[in-house]
Structure formats: C-alpha cells, structure tokens
N, C-alpha and C. Protein backbone atom coordinates (compact mmCIF):
# COMPACT_ATOMS: atom_id res chain seq x y z
N MET A 1 15.83 2.30 41.41
CA MET A 1 17.24 2.18 41.09
C MET A 1 17.55 2.85 39.75
N ILE A 2 16.64 2.73 38.78
CA ILE A 2 16.85 3.35 37.48
C ILE A 2 16.87 4.87 37.62
N ALA A 3 16.00 5.42 38.47
CA ALA A 3 15.97 6.87 38.66
C ALA A 3 17.29 7.36 39.26
N ILE A 4 17.82 6.63 40.22
CA ILE A 4 19.09 7.02 40.86
C ILE A 4 20.23 6.94 39.85
N ALA A 5 20.28 5.85 39.09
CA ALA A 5 21.34 5.69 38.09
C ALA A 5 21.24 6.75 37.01
N SER A 6 20.03 7.08 36.58
CA SER A 6 19.85 8.11 35.56
C SER A 6 20.31 9.47 36.07
N GLY A 7 19.94 9.80 37.30
CA GLY A 7 20.37 11.06 37.89
C GLY A 7 21.88 11.13 38.06
N PHE A 8 22.47 10.03 38.47
CA PHE A 8 23.92 9.95 38.65
C PHE A 8 24.64 10.17 37.31
N LEU A 9 24.21 9.45 36.28
CA LEU A 9 24.84 9.59 34.97
C LEU A 9 24.60 10.97 34.36
N ALA A 10 23.40 11.49 34.54
CA ALA A 10 23.11 12.84 34.02
C ALA A 10 23.98 13.87 34.71
N GLY A 11 24.21 13.70 36.00
CA GLY A 11 25.09 14.62 36.74
C GLY A 11 26.51 14.56 36.24
N ILE A 12 27.01 13.36 35.99
CA ILE A 12 28.37 13.21 35.47
C ILE A 12 28.48 13.86 34.09
N ILE A 13 27.52 13.60 33.24
CA ILE A 13 27.54 14.17 31.89
C ILE A 13 27.45 15.69 31.95
N SER A 14 26.62 16.22 32.85
CA SER A 14 26.51 17.67 32.98
C SER A 14 27.83 18.27 33.44
N GLY A 15 28.52 17.57 34.34
CA GLY A 15 29.81 18.05 34.81
C GLY A 15 30.84 18.12 33.70
N MET A 16 30.67 17.33 32.67
CA MET A 16 31.58 17.37 31.52
C MET A 16 31.18 18.47 30.54
N GLY A 17 30.03 19.10 30.77
CA GLY A 17 29.58 20.18 29.89
C GLY A 17 28.77 19.72 28.70
N ILE A 18 28.31 18.49 28.73
CA ILE A 18 27.59 17.95 27.58
C ILE A 18 26.10 18.24 27.66
N GLY A 19 25.54 18.18 28.82
CA GLY A 19 24.11 18.41 28.99
C GLY A 19 23.42 17.12 29.40
N GLY A 20 23.09 17.00 30.65
CA GLY A 20 22.50 15.77 31.18
C GLY A 20 21.09 15.51 30.73
N GLY A 21 20.40 16.55 30.23
CA GLY A 21 19.03 16.38 29.79
C GLY A 21 18.88 15.42 28.63
N MET A 22 19.92 15.29 27.83
CA MET A 22 19.86 14.36 26.71
C MET A 22 19.83 12.91 27.19
N LEU A 23 20.24 12.68 28.41
CA LEU A 23 20.14 11.36 29.01
C LEU A 23 18.95 11.28 29.95
N LEU A 24 18.75 12.33 30.72
CA LEU A 24 17.73 12.33 31.76
C LEU A 24 16.31 12.22 31.18
N ILE A 25 16.00 13.01 30.18
CA ILE A 25 14.63 13.00 29.63
C ILE A 25 14.27 11.65 29.03
N PRO A 26 15.10 11.05 28.15
CA PRO A 26 14.73 9.72 27.65
C PRO A 26 14.64 8.66 28.76
N ALA A 27 15.50 8.76 29.76
CA ALA A 27 15.44 7.79 30.87
C ALA A 27 14.12 7.91 31.61
N LEU A 28 13.69 9.14 31.88
CA LEU A 28 12.42 9.34 32.58
C LEU A 28 11.23 8.88 31.75
N VAL A 29 11.28 9.13 30.45
CA VAL A 29 10.16 8.78 29.58
C VAL A 29 10.10 7.27 29.33
N PHE A 30 11.25 6.66 28.98
CA PHE A 30 11.22 5.25 28.58
C PHE A 30 11.31 4.27 29.73
N PHE A 31 12.10 4.57 30.75
CA PHE A 31 12.28 3.62 31.85
C PHE A 31 11.29 3.83 32.98
N LEU A 32 10.96 5.10 33.26
CA LEU A 32 10.03 5.38 34.35
C LEU A 32 8.62 5.69 33.84
N LEU A 33 8.44 5.61 32.51
CA LEU A 33 7.15 5.80 31.86
C LEU A 33 6.48 7.12 32.24
N MET A 34 7.28 8.17 32.34
CA MET A 34 6.80 9.48 32.71
C MET A 34 6.35 10.22 31.45
N PRO A 35 5.30 11.03 31.53
CA PRO A 35 4.90 11.82 30.37
C PRO A 35 6.02 12.77 29.94
N GLN A 36 6.10 13.03 28.65
CA GLN A 36 7.16 13.88 28.09
C GLN A 36 7.23 15.24 28.77
N ARG A 37 6.10 15.89 28.96
CA ARG A 37 6.09 17.22 29.57
C ARG A 37 6.62 17.18 31.00
N ALA A 38 6.25 16.17 31.74
CA ALA A 38 6.73 16.05 33.13
C ALA A 38 8.24 15.82 33.15
N ALA A 39 8.74 15.00 32.23
CA ALA A 39 10.18 14.75 32.16
C ALA A 39 10.94 16.02 31.81
N GLN A 40 10.40 16.81 30.90
CA GLN A 40 11.06 18.06 30.53
C GLN A 40 11.02 19.05 31.69
N ALA A 41 9.93 19.07 32.43
CA ALA A 41 9.85 19.96 33.60
C ALA A 41 10.87 19.55 34.66
N ILE A 42 11.00 18.26 34.91
CA ILE A 42 11.99 17.78 35.87
C ILE A 42 13.39 18.16 35.39
N ASN A 43 13.64 18.03 34.10
CA ASN A 43 14.95 18.39 33.56
C ASN A 43 15.24 19.87 33.78
N LEU A 44 14.24 20.72 33.64
CA LEU A 44 14.45 22.15 33.87
C LEU A 44 14.81 22.42 35.33
N TRP A 45 14.12 21.75 36.25
CA TRP A 45 14.45 21.91 37.68
C TRP A 45 15.85 21.38 37.98
N TYR A 46 16.20 20.29 37.34
CA TYR A 46 17.54 19.70 37.51
C TYR A 46 18.61 20.64 36.95
N PHE A 47 18.29 21.33 35.87
CA PHE A 47 19.24 22.21 35.19
C PHE A 47 19.61 23.43 36.03
N LEU A 48 18.67 23.94 36.83
CA LEU A 48 18.92 25.18 37.58
C LEU A 48 20.17 25.13 38.46
N PRO A 49 20.30 24.15 39.37
CA PRO A 49 21.51 24.16 40.21
C PRO A 49 22.79 23.92 39.41
N THR A 50 22.73 23.08 38.38
CA THR A 50 23.95 22.84 37.60
C THR A 50 24.34 24.09 36.82
N ALA A 51 23.36 24.83 36.33
CA ALA A 51 23.65 26.08 35.61
C ALA A 51 24.23 27.13 36.55
N ILE A 52 23.70 27.20 37.76
CA ILE A 52 24.20 28.18 38.73
C ILE A 52 25.65 27.86 39.10
N ILE A 53 25.95 26.60 39.32
CA ILE A 53 27.32 26.20 39.65
C ILE A 53 28.25 26.50 38.48
N ALA A 54 27.82 26.18 37.26
CA ALA A 54 28.63 26.46 36.07
C ALA A 54 28.87 27.96 35.93
N LEU A 55 27.86 28.77 36.18
CA LEU A 55 28.00 30.22 36.10
C LEU A 55 29.02 30.72 37.12
N ILE A 56 28.97 30.22 38.33
CA ILE A 56 29.92 30.62 39.37
C ILE A 56 31.34 30.25 38.98
N VAL A 57 31.52 29.03 38.50
CA VAL A 57 32.87 28.58 38.10
C VAL A 57 33.40 29.41 36.94
N HIS A 58 32.58 29.64 35.93
CA HIS A 58 33.03 30.41 34.77
C HIS A 58 33.29 31.87 35.14
N ALA A 59 32.48 32.44 36.03
CA ALA A 59 32.71 33.82 36.47
C ALA A 59 34.01 33.90 37.25
N LYS A 60 34.25 32.93 38.10
CA LYS A 60 35.48 32.90 38.90
C LYS A 60 36.71 32.82 37.99
N ASN A 61 36.61 32.05 36.91
CA ASN A 61 37.72 31.89 35.97
C ASN A 61 37.75 32.97 34.89
N LYS A 62 36.86 33.96 35.03
CA LYS A 62 36.77 35.08 34.08
C LYS A 62 36.57 34.61 32.63
N ASN A 63 35.68 33.65 32.46
CA ASN A 63 35.37 33.11 31.13
C ASN A 63 34.07 33.67 30.56
N ILE A 64 33.53 34.72 31.16
CA ILE A 64 32.25 35.26 30.71
C ILE A 64 32.46 36.65 30.12
N GLU A 65 31.96 36.84 28.91
CA GLU A 65 31.97 38.15 28.28
C GLU A 65 30.61 38.79 28.55
N ILE A 66 30.59 39.72 29.49
CA ILE A 66 29.33 40.28 29.99
C ILE A 66 28.48 40.88 28.88
N LYS A 67 29.07 41.69 28.01
CA LYS A 67 28.28 42.36 26.96
C LYS A 67 27.60 41.35 26.04
N LYS A 68 28.34 40.35 25.58
CA LYS A 68 27.75 39.32 24.72
C LYS A 68 26.70 38.51 25.48
N SER A 69 26.96 38.26 26.75
CA SER A 69 26.02 37.49 27.57
C SER A 69 24.68 38.20 27.70
N LEU A 70 24.72 39.53 27.83
CA LEU A 70 23.48 40.29 27.96
C LEU A 70 22.61 40.16 26.71
N TYR A 71 23.23 40.20 25.53
CA TYR A 71 22.46 40.01 24.29
C TYR A 71 21.81 38.64 24.27
N ILE A 72 22.54 37.63 24.67
CA ILE A 72 22.01 36.26 24.67
C ILE A 72 20.87 36.13 25.68
N ILE A 73 21.08 36.68 26.86
CA ILE A 73 20.06 36.59 27.92
C ILE A 73 18.79 37.32 27.50
N LEU A 74 18.95 38.56 27.00
CA LEU A 74 17.78 39.36 26.64
C LEU A 74 17.00 38.78 25.47
N SER A 75 17.67 38.10 24.57
CA SER A 75 16.94 37.46 23.47
C SER A 75 16.46 36.07 23.88
N GLY A 76 17.16 35.42 24.79
CA GLY A 76 16.79 34.06 25.19
C GLY A 76 15.55 33.98 26.05
N ILE A 77 15.35 34.95 26.93
CA ILE A 77 14.20 34.92 27.84
C ILE A 77 12.87 34.90 27.10
N PRO A 78 12.61 35.84 26.19
CA PRO A 78 11.30 35.78 25.52
C PRO A 78 11.12 34.52 24.67
N PHE A 79 12.20 34.06 24.04
CA PHE A 79 12.06 32.86 23.21
C PHE A 79 11.90 31.60 24.06
N ALA A 80 12.48 31.58 25.23
CA ALA A 80 12.26 30.45 26.14
C ALA A 80 10.81 30.42 26.61
N LEU A 81 10.27 31.58 26.93
CA LEU A 81 8.86 31.65 27.33
C LEU A 81 7.95 31.24 26.18
N LEU A 82 8.26 31.70 24.99
CA LEU A 82 7.48 31.33 23.81
C LEU A 82 7.57 29.83 23.54
N GLY A 83 8.76 29.27 23.65
CA GLY A 83 8.93 27.83 23.46
C GLY A 83 8.16 27.02 24.49
N GLY A 84 8.18 27.47 25.75
CA GLY A 84 7.41 26.79 26.79
C GLY A 84 5.92 26.84 26.52
N TYR A 85 5.45 27.98 26.04
CA TYR A 85 4.04 28.14 25.71
C TYR A 85 3.64 27.17 24.59
N PHE A 86 4.46 27.10 23.54
CA PHE A 86 4.15 26.21 22.41
C PHE A 86 4.27 24.74 22.81
N ALA A 87 5.15 24.43 23.75
CA ALA A 87 5.29 23.04 24.21
C ALA A 87 3.99 22.55 24.85
N PHE A 88 3.24 23.45 25.48
CA PHE A 88 1.97 23.04 26.08
C PHE A 88 0.85 22.97 25.06
N LEU A 89 1.01 23.66 23.95
CA LEU A 89 0.00 23.60 22.90
C LEU A 89 0.12 22.35 22.04
N ILE A 90 1.34 21.83 21.92
CA ILE A 90 1.61 20.68 21.07
C ILE A 90 1.22 19.40 21.79
N ASP A 91 0.66 18.46 21.06
CA ASP A 91 0.33 17.15 21.61
C ASP A 91 1.58 16.49 22.19
N SER A 92 1.44 15.82 23.30
CA SER A 92 2.58 15.22 24.00
C SER A 92 3.34 14.23 23.12
N ALA A 93 2.63 13.44 22.33
CA ALA A 93 3.30 12.47 21.44
C ALA A 93 4.13 13.19 20.38
N LEU A 94 3.59 14.27 19.83
CA LEU A 94 4.32 15.04 18.84
C LEU A 94 5.53 15.73 19.47
N LEU A 95 5.36 16.20 20.69
CA LEU A 95 6.47 16.82 21.41
C LEU A 95 7.61 15.81 21.60
N GLY A 96 7.25 14.57 21.91
CA GLY A 96 8.26 13.51 22.04
C GLY A 96 8.98 13.26 20.73
N LYS A 97 8.26 13.32 19.63
CA LYS A 97 8.88 13.12 18.31
C LYS A 97 9.83 14.27 17.97
N PHE A 98 9.42 15.49 18.31
CA PHE A 98 10.31 16.64 18.09
C PHE A 98 11.60 16.48 18.90
N PHE A 99 11.44 16.04 20.14
CA PHE A 99 12.62 15.87 21.00
C PHE A 99 13.51 14.75 20.45
N GLY A 100 12.90 13.68 19.98
CA GLY A 100 13.68 12.59 19.37
C GLY A 100 14.43 13.06 18.14
N ALA A 101 13.78 13.87 17.31
CA ALA A 101 14.44 14.41 16.12
C ALA A 101 15.59 15.33 16.52
N PHE A 102 15.38 16.11 17.56
CA PHE A 102 16.42 16.99 18.09
C PHE A 102 17.64 16.17 18.53
N LEU A 103 17.39 15.12 19.29
CA LEU A 103 18.49 14.26 19.75
C LEU A 103 19.20 13.58 18.58
N ALA A 104 18.43 13.10 17.62
CA ALA A 104 19.02 12.43 16.47
C ALA A 104 19.89 13.39 15.66
N PHE A 105 19.39 14.60 15.44
CA PHE A 105 20.14 15.59 14.68
C PHE A 105 21.48 15.88 15.35
N PHE A 106 21.44 16.18 16.65
CA PHE A 106 22.68 16.53 17.33
C PHE A 106 23.58 15.32 17.54
N GLY A 107 23.01 14.13 17.62
CA GLY A 107 23.84 12.93 17.68
C GLY A 107 24.62 12.73 16.41
N VAL A 108 23.94 12.87 15.27
CA VAL A 108 24.61 12.74 13.97
C VAL A 108 25.65 13.85 13.80
N LYS A 109 25.30 15.06 14.22
CA LYS A 109 26.24 16.18 14.12
C LYS A 109 27.50 15.91 14.94
N GLU A 110 27.35 15.41 16.16
CA GLU A 110 28.51 15.10 17.00
C GLU A 110 29.39 14.02 16.38
N ILE A 111 28.75 13.00 15.83
CA ILE A 111 29.53 11.94 15.18
C ILE A 111 30.26 12.50 13.98
N TYR A 112 29.59 13.30 13.15
CA TYR A 112 30.23 13.91 11.99
C TYR A 112 31.39 14.80 12.41
N ASP A 113 31.16 15.64 13.41
CA ASP A 113 32.22 16.53 13.90
C ASP A 113 33.40 15.73 14.46
N GLY A 114 33.11 14.61 15.08
CA GLY A 114 34.16 13.76 15.62
C GLY A 114 35.04 13.18 14.52
N PHE A 115 34.43 12.79 13.42
CA PHE A 115 35.20 12.22 12.30
C PHE A 115 35.95 13.28 11.50
N THR A 116 35.41 14.51 11.49
CA THR A 116 36.04 15.57 10.69
C THR A 116 36.87 16.51 11.55
N ASN A 117 36.97 16.21 12.85
CA ASN A 117 37.76 17.03 13.80
C ASN A 117 37.37 18.50 13.76
N LYS A 118 36.07 18.78 13.78
CA LYS A 118 35.57 20.16 13.73
C LYS A 118 35.41 20.77 15.11
N LYS A 119 35.86 20.15 16.14
CA LYS A 119 35.66 20.71 17.49
C LYS A 119 36.73 21.67 17.84
C-alpha cells in the first residue's frame, strides 16, 4: 500500500512540475527499506515516461527553444554519465547523505524563495 501511495503522490507532484523523485526516493528508501542506488534507478525509470509526456506537451505548446535545448542536451549527457559513474563508486550510505543534503538545500531554498517572492 505504501508503494502505491508513494507512486500516486509522486505522479501528482510530477504533474505539477515539481519533480516526484524528491518524494519517491525517500519513500522507497525509508518505507520500503530499498537500497539508495536501487531507489534512484527506479526513479530514473519512473522519470522517462513523465519526461516524454512533458516534452510532448511543451513542444505542442511551442514552449521549447531548440537552440538552447541543444546546448543543454549536449552538455547534460556526458555529465549525467559521469554522475552515474561516480554514484556507483561512492559508498551507498554516503550517497544517501549527499541526496539528503541535496533535498535539504533545495527545501530551504524553496522556503526562502516563498517568503521573498523570488519565483
């Protein structure tokens, strides 16, 4: 039941454009006691269909700047591969701490931006 509820909530959050992985990964790790790497891998598989749907919707609404997108894609691919490689080199417990720090940083940033109306 926890897995279904986590997937449901992550889907709703993704539909809002927030990113369901920030909910999905901690739910898999803490509630389903899944290893950090496995949870991140599941999140990547989960991300593919949501990203494809978002791309289709944004392309249909002409919200994509192709030239800028190409720069992002061409620089993002090698760094994503490099990040994945380093994720397997890092101890799983340390990887979890990095992810926790990442979530904490962006959580504080969102709260700060909310109070200062920086959105």
